Amino acid sequence: MYKNKEGYLDPTAGDAIREADRPPEDLSRAIRLMKFAADCQGFEVIGRIWLRDKKTGMEYK
């Protein structure tokens, strides 16, 4: 639960922060696809997958 600076619960701000911090659905789909492709070829992903969004420059680890 998110609390504001006075210590009171602030569900609206908490929801907004959680939504802003959530990775985009395209990112989740790309990672699932990479793991699936590796599995189909007899490999498994054993480390982190780092991606950079070409449009925004945001990096996701």
PDB file of N, CA and C in Angstrom:
ATOM      1  N   MET A   1       0.830  -1.178   0.000  1.00  0.00           N
ATOM      2  CA  MET A   1       0.000   0.000   0.000  1.00  0.00           C
ATOM      3  C   MET A   1       0.878   1.247   0.000  1.00  0.00           C
ATOM      4  N   TYR A   2       0.448   2.229  -0.729  1.00  0.00           N
ATOM      5  CA  TYR A   2       1.202   3.469  -0.840  1.00  0.00           C
ATOM      6  C   TYR A   2       0.686   4.462   0.195  1.00  0.00           C
ATOM      7  N   LYS A   3       1.610   5.111   0.872  1.00  0.00           N
ATOM      8  CA  LYS A   3       1.241   6.156   1.829  1.00  0.00           C
ATOM      9  C   LYS A   3       1.850   7.467   1.360  1.00  0.00           C
ATOM     10  N   ASN A   4       1.111   8.554   1.572  1.00  0.00           N
ATOM     11  CA  ASN A   4       1.634   9.865   1.196  1.00  0.00           C
ATOM     12  C   ASN A   4       2.624  10.346   2.254  1.00  0.00           C
ATOM     13  N   LYS A   5       3.155  11.540   2.072  1.00  0.00           N
ATOM     14  CA  LYS A   5       4.208  12.000   2.979  1.00  0.00           C
ATOM     15  C   LYS A   5       3.712  12.229   4.405  1.00  0.00           C
ATOM     16  N   GLU A   6       2.403  12.409   4.590  1.00  0.00           N
ATOM     17  CA  GLU A   6       1.854  12.546   5.938  1.00  0.00           C
ATOM     18  C   GLU A   6       1.611  11.192   6.594  1.00  0.00           C
ATOM     19  N   GLY A   7       1.747  10.111   5.826  1.00  0.00           N
ATOM     20  CA  GLY A   7       1.574   8.776   6.380  1.00  0.00           C
ATOM     21  C   GLY A   7       0.201   8.176   6.156  1.00  0.00           C
ATOM     22  N   TYR A   8      -0.684   8.895   5.466  1.00  0.00           N
ATOM     23  CA  TYR A   8      -2.024   8.374   5.194  1.00  0.00           C
ATOM     24  C   TYR A   8      -2.008   7.508   3.933  1.00  0.00           C
ATOM     25  N   LEU A   9      -2.874   6.510   3.912  1.00  0.00           N
ATOM     26  CA  LEU A   9      -3.001   5.672   2.726  1.00  0.00           C
ATOM     27  C   LEU A   9      -3.492   6.509   1.555  1.00  0.00           C
ATOM     28  N   ASP A  10      -2.901   6.310   0.410  1.00  0.00           N
ATOM     29  CA  ASP A  10      -3.282   7.044  -0.797  1.00  0.00           C
ATOM     30  C   ASP A  10      -3.383   6.051  -1.952  1.00  0.00           C
ATOM     31  N   PRO A  11      -4.525   5.338  -2.057  1.00  0.00           N
ATOM     32  CA  PRO A  11      -4.646   4.300  -3.080  1.00  0.00           C
ATOM     33  C   PRO A  11      -4.598   4.836  -4.510  1.00  0.00           C
ATOM     34  N   THR A  12      -5.087   6.037  -4.742  1.00  0.00           N
ATOM     35  CA  THR A  12      -5.074   6.591  -6.097  1.00  0.00           C
ATOM     36  C   THR A  12      -3.647   6.811  -6.574  1.00  0.00           C
ATOM     37  N   ALA A  13      -2.838   7.433  -5.748  1.00  0.00           N
ATOM     38  CA  ALA A  13      -1.436   7.658  -6.110  1.00  0.00           C
ATOM     39  C   ALA A  13      -0.699   6.328  -6.215  1.00  0.00           C
ATOM     40  N   GLY A  14      -1.002   5.406  -5.321  1.00  0.00           N
ATOM     41  CA  GLY A  14      -0.367   4.094  -5.371  1.00  0.00           C
ATOM     42  C   GLY A  14      -0.665   3.370  -6.666  1.00  0.00           C
ATOM     43  N   ASP A  15      -1.930   3.425  -7.096  1.00  0.00           N
ATOM     44  CA  ASP A  15      -2.314   2.794  -8.364  1.00  0.00           C
ATOM     45  C   ASP A  15      -1.596   3.451  -9.541  1.00  0.00           C
ATOM     46  N   ALA A  16      -1.496   4.777  -9.515  1.00  0.00           N
ATOM     47  CA  ALA A  16      -0.841   5.500 -10.609  1.00  0.00           C
ATOM     48  C   ALA A  16       0.649   5.155 -10.684  1.00  0.00           C
ATOM     49  N   ILE A  17       1.300   5.081  -9.541  1.00  0.00           N
ATOM     50  CA  ILE A  17       2.728   4.749  -9.521  1.00  0.00           C
ATOM     51  C   ILE A  17       2.952   3.321  -9.996  1.00  0.00           C
ATOM     52  N   ARG A  18       2.116   2.398  -9.529  1.00  0.00           N
ATOM     53  CA  ARG A  18       2.233   0.999  -9.957  1.00  0.00           C
ATOM     54  C   ARG A  18       2.047   0.870 -11.461  1.00  0.00           C
ATOM     55  N   GLU A  19       1.073   1.588 -12.002  1.00  0.00           N
ATOM     56  CA  GLU A  19       0.804   1.539 -13.448  1.00  0.00           C
ATOM     57  C   GLU A  19       1.967   2.129 -14.241  1.00  0.00           C
ATOM     58  N   ALA A  20       2.559   3.211 -13.734  1.00  0.00           N
ATOM     59  CA  ALA A  20       3.677   3.849 -14.435  1.00  0.00           C
ATOM     60  C   ALA A  20       4.931   2.980 -14.394  1.00  0.00           C
ATOM     61  N   ASP A  21       5.124   2.243 -13.313  1.00  0.00           N
ATOM     62  CA  ASP A  21       6.312   1.397 -13.174  1.00  0.00           C
ATOM     63  C   ASP A  21       6.198   0.077 -13.913  1.00  0.00           C
ATOM     64  N   ARG A  22       4.996  -0.305 -14.294  1.00  0.00           N
ATOM     65  CA  ARG A  22       4.796  -1.592 -14.962  1.00  0.00           C
ATOM     66  C   ARG A  22       5.411  -1.549 -16.360  1.00  0.00           C
ATOM     67  N   PRO A  23       6.154  -2.595 -16.733  1.00  0.00           N
ATOM     68  CA  PRO A  23       6.740  -2.602 -18.078  1.00  0.00           C
ATOM     69  C   PRO A  23       5.654  -2.697 -19.146  1.00  0.00           C
ATOM     70  N   PRO A  24       5.897  -2.151 -20.329  1.00  0.00           N
ATOM     71  CA  PRO A  24       4.898  -2.205 -21.396  1.00  0.00           C
ATOM     72  C   PRO A  24       4.607  -3.651 -21.813  1.00  0.00           C
ATOM     73  N   GLU A  25       3.398  -3.897 -22.293  1.00  0.00           N
ATOM     74  CA  GLU A  25       2.990  -5.239 -22.715  1.00  0.00           C
ATOM     75  C   GLU A  25       3.866  -5.736 -23.860  1.00  0.00           C
ATOM     76  N   ASP A  26       4.296  -4.839 -24.743  1.00  0.00           N
ATOM     77  CA  ASP A  26       5.180  -5.238 -25.849  1.00  0.00           C
ATOM     78  C   ASP A  26       6.470  -5.860 -25.318  1.00  0.00           C
ATOM     79  N   LEU A  27       6.990  -5.314 -24.237  1.00  0.00           N
ATOM     80  CA  LEU A  27       8.217  -5.834 -23.644  1.00  0.00           C
ATOM     81  C   LEU A  27       7.994  -7.245 -23.110  1.00  0.00           C
ATOM     82  N   SER A  28       6.920  -7.435 -22.379  1.00  0.00           N
ATOM     83  CA  SER A  28       6.614  -8.762 -21.836  1.00  0.00           C
ATOM     84  C   SER A  28       6.430  -9.773 -22.956  1.00  0.00           C
ATOM     85  N   ARG A  29       5.763  -9.365 -24.010  1.00  0.00           N
ATOM     86  CA  ARG A  29       5.533 -10.250 -25.154  1.00  0.00           C
ATOM     87  C   ARG A  29       6.856 -10.602 -25.835  1.00  0.00           C
ATOM     88  N   ALA A  30       7.755  -9.632 -25.980  1.00  0.00           N
ATOM     89  CA  ALA A  30       9.047  -9.881 -26.630  1.00  0.00           C
ATOM     90  C   ALA A  30       9.885 -10.866 -25.814  1.00  0.00           C
ATOM     91  N   ILE A  31       9.889 -10.720 -24.508  1.00  0.00           N
ATOM     92  CA  ILE A  31      10.667 -11.629 -23.665  1.00  0.00           C
ATOM     93  C   ILE A  31      10.087 -13.034 -23.712  1.00  0.00           C
ATOM     94  N   ARG A  32       8.766 -13.157 -23.654  1.00  0.00           N
ATOM     95  CA  ARG A  32       8.141 -14.483 -23.763  1.00  0.00           C
ATOM     96  C   ARG A  32       8.486 -15.133 -25.096  1.00  0.00           C
ATOM     97  N   LEU A  33       8.472 -14.337 -26.170  1.00  0.00           N
ATOM     98  CA  LEU A  33       8.789 -14.860 -27.495  1.00  0.00           C
ATOM     99  C   LEU A  33      10.242 -15.335 -27.574  1.00  0.00           C
ATOM    100  N   MET A  34      11.170 -14.577 -26.994  1.00  0.00           N
ATOM    101  CA  MET A  34      12.577 -14.983 -26.988  1.00  0.00           C
ATOM    102  C   MET A  34      12.774 -16.283 -26.217  1.00  0.00           C
ATOM    103  N   LYS A  35      12.127 -16.392 -25.069  1.00  0.00           N
ATOM    104  CA  LYS A  35      12.240 -17.625 -24.278  1.00  0.00           C
ATOM    105  C   LYS A  35      11.628 -18.805 -25.022  1.00  0.00           C
ATOM    106  N   PHE A  36      10.503 -18.574 -25.688  1.00  0.00           N
ATOM    107  CA  PHE A  36       9.852 -19.634 -26.450  1.00  0.00           C
ATOM    108  C   PHE A  36      10.735 -20.080 -27.614  1.00  0.00           C
ATOM    109  N   ALA A  37      11.333 -19.115 -28.333  1.00  0.00           N
ATOM    110  CA  ALA A  37      12.202 -19.446 -29.469  1.00  0.00           C
ATOM    111  C   ALA A  37      13.414 -20.243 -29.001  1.00  0.00           C
ATOM    112  N   ALA A  38      13.998 -19.856 -27.884  1.00  0.00           N
ATOM    113  CA  ALA A  38      15.144 -20.594 -27.351  1.00  0.00           C
ATOM    114  C   ALA A  38      14.731 -22.014 -26.986  1.00  0.00           C
ATOM    115  N   ASP A  39      13.579 -22.163 -26.360  1.00  0.00           N
ATOM    116  CA  ASP A  39      13.086 -23.483 -25.968  1.00  0.00           C
ATOM    117  C   ASP A  39      12.837 -24.362 -27.188  1.00  0.00           C
ATOM    118  N   CYS A  40      12.279 -23.801 -28.237  1.00  0.00           N
ATOM    119  CA  CYS A  40      12.003 -24.568 -29.460  1.00  0.00           C
ATOM    120  C   CYS A  40      13.289 -25.089 -30.100  1.00  0.00           C
ATOM    121  N   GLN A  41      14.383 -24.365 -29.906  1.00  0.00           N
ATOM    122  CA  GLN A  41      15.661 -24.773 -30.491  1.00  0.00           C
ATOM    123  C   GLN A  41      16.498 -25.612 -29.522  1.00  0.00           C
ATOM    124  N   GLY A  42      15.932 -25.940 -28.368  1.00  0.00           N
ATOM    125  CA  GLY A  42      16.638 -26.773 -27.397  1.00  0.00           C
ATOM    126  C   GLY A  42      17.540 -26.012 -26.448  1.00  0.00           C
ATOM    127  N   PHE A  43      17.301 -24.722 -26.305  1.00  0.00           N
ATOM    128  CA  PHE A  43      18.088 -23.899 -25.394  1.00  0.00           C
ATOM    129  C   PHE A  43      17.182 -23.349 -24.305  1.00  0.00           C
ATOM    130  N   GLU A  44      17.815 -22.790 -23.262  1.00  0.00           N
ATOM    131  CA  GLU A  44      17.046 -22.077 -22.257  1.00  0.00           C
ATOM    132  C   GLU A  44      17.771 -20.786 -21.913  1.00  0.00           C
ATOM    133  N   VAL A  45      17.020 -19.776 -21.565  1.00  0.00           N
ATOM    134  CA  VAL A  45      17.588 -18.495 -21.162  1.00  0.00           C
ATOM    135  C   VAL A  45      17.995 -18.640 -19.702  1.00  0.00           C
ATOM    136  N   ILE A  46      19.272 -18.390 -19.396  1.00  0.00           N
ATOM    137  CA  ILE A  46      19.746 -18.563 -18.026  1.00  0.00           C
ATOM    138  C   ILE A  46      20.199 -17.246 -17.394  1.00  0.00           C
ATOM    139  N   GLY A  47      20.118 -16.183 -18.148  1.00  0.00           N
ATOM    140  CA  GLY A  47      20.519 -14.876 -17.630  1.00  0.00           C
ATOM    141  C   GLY A  47      19.457 -13.836 -17.936  1.00  0.00           C
ATOM    142  N   ARG A  48      19.771 -12.628 -17.564  1.00  0.00           N
ATOM    143  CA  ARG A  48      18.841 -11.529 -17.815  1.00  0.00           C
ATOM    144  C   ARG A  48      18.809 -11.168 -19.292  1.00  0.00           C
ATOM    145  N   ILE A  49      17.655 -10.750 -19.732  1.00  0.00           N
ATOM    146  CA  ILE A  49      17.500 -10.244 -21.097  1.00  0.00           C
ATOM    147  C   ILE A  49      17.375  -8.728 -20.979  1.00  0.00           C
ATOM    148  N   TRP A  50      18.294  -7.998 -21.590  1.00  0.00           N
ATOM    149  CA  TRP A  50      18.254  -6.539 -21.579  1.00  0.00           C
ATOM    150  C   TRP A  50      17.737  -6.062 -22.919  1.00  0.00           C
ATOM    151  N   LEU A  51      16.767  -5.163 -22.877  1.00  0.00           N
ATOM    152  CA  LEU A  51      16.205  -4.612 -24.111  1.00  0.00           C
ATOM    153  C   LEU A  51      16.174  -3.089 -24.025  1.00  0.00           C
ATOM    154  N   ARG A  52      16.320  -2.436 -25.185  1.00  0.00           N
ATOM    155  CA  ARG A  52      16.199  -0.980 -25.271  1.00  0.00           C
ATOM    156  C   ARG A  52      15.118  -0.665 -26.289  1.00  0.00           C
ATOM    157  N   ASP A  53      14.182   0.182 -25.906  1.00  0.00           N
ATOM    158  CA  ASP A  53      13.123   0.618 -26.807  1.00  0.00           C
ATOM    159  C   ASP A  53      13.735   1.596 -27.803  1.00  0.00           C
ATOM    160  N   LYS A  54      13.638   1.303 -29.087  1.00  0.00           N
ATOM    161  CA  LYS A  54      14.246   2.160 -30.114  1.00  0.00           C
ATOM    162  C   LYS A  54      13.592   3.538 -30.171  1.00  0.00           C
ATOM    163  N   LYS A  55      12.306   3.618 -29.859  1.00  0.00           N
ATOM    164  CA  LYS A  55      11.603   4.904 -29.939  1.00  0.00           C
ATOM    165  C   LYS A  55      11.929   5.806 -28.757  1.00  0.00           C
ATOM    166  N   THR A  56      11.890   5.250 -27.543  1.00  0.00           N
ATOM    167  CA  THR A  56      12.041   6.069 -26.344  1.00  0.00           C
ATOM    168  C   THR A  56      13.442   6.051 -25.756  1.00  0.00           C
ATOM    169  N   GLY A  57      14.229   5.028 -26.106  1.00  0.00           N
ATOM    170  CA  GLY A  57      15.558   4.897 -25.528  1.00  0.00           C
ATOM    171  C   GLY A  57      15.557   4.279 -24.137  1.00  0.00           C
ATOM    172  N   MET A  58      14.380   3.940 -23.614  1.00  0.00           N
ATOM    173  CA  MET A  58      14.281   3.317 -22.286  1.00  0.00           C
ATOM    174  C   MET A  58      14.907   1.932 -22.327  1.00  0.00           C
ATOM    175  N   GLU A  59      15.667   1.609 -21.286  1.00  0.00           N
ATOM    176  CA  GLU A  59      16.276   0.290 -21.180  1.00  0.00           C
ATOM    177  C   GLU A  59      15.537  -0.507 -20.122  1.00  0.00           C
ATOM    178  N   TYR A  60      15.321  -1.772 -20.432  1.00  0.00           N
ATOM    179  CA  TYR A  60      14.617  -2.670 -19.518  1.00  0.00           C
ATOM    180  C   TYR A  60      15.513  -3.854 -19.238  1.00  0.00           C
ATOM    181  N   LYS A  61      15.630  -4.194 -17.968  1.00  0.00           N
ATOM    182  CA  LYS A  61      16.466  -5.320 -17.559  1.00  0.00           C
ATOM    183  C   LYS A  61      15.597  -6.369 -16.921  1.00  0.00           C
TER     184      LYS A  61
END
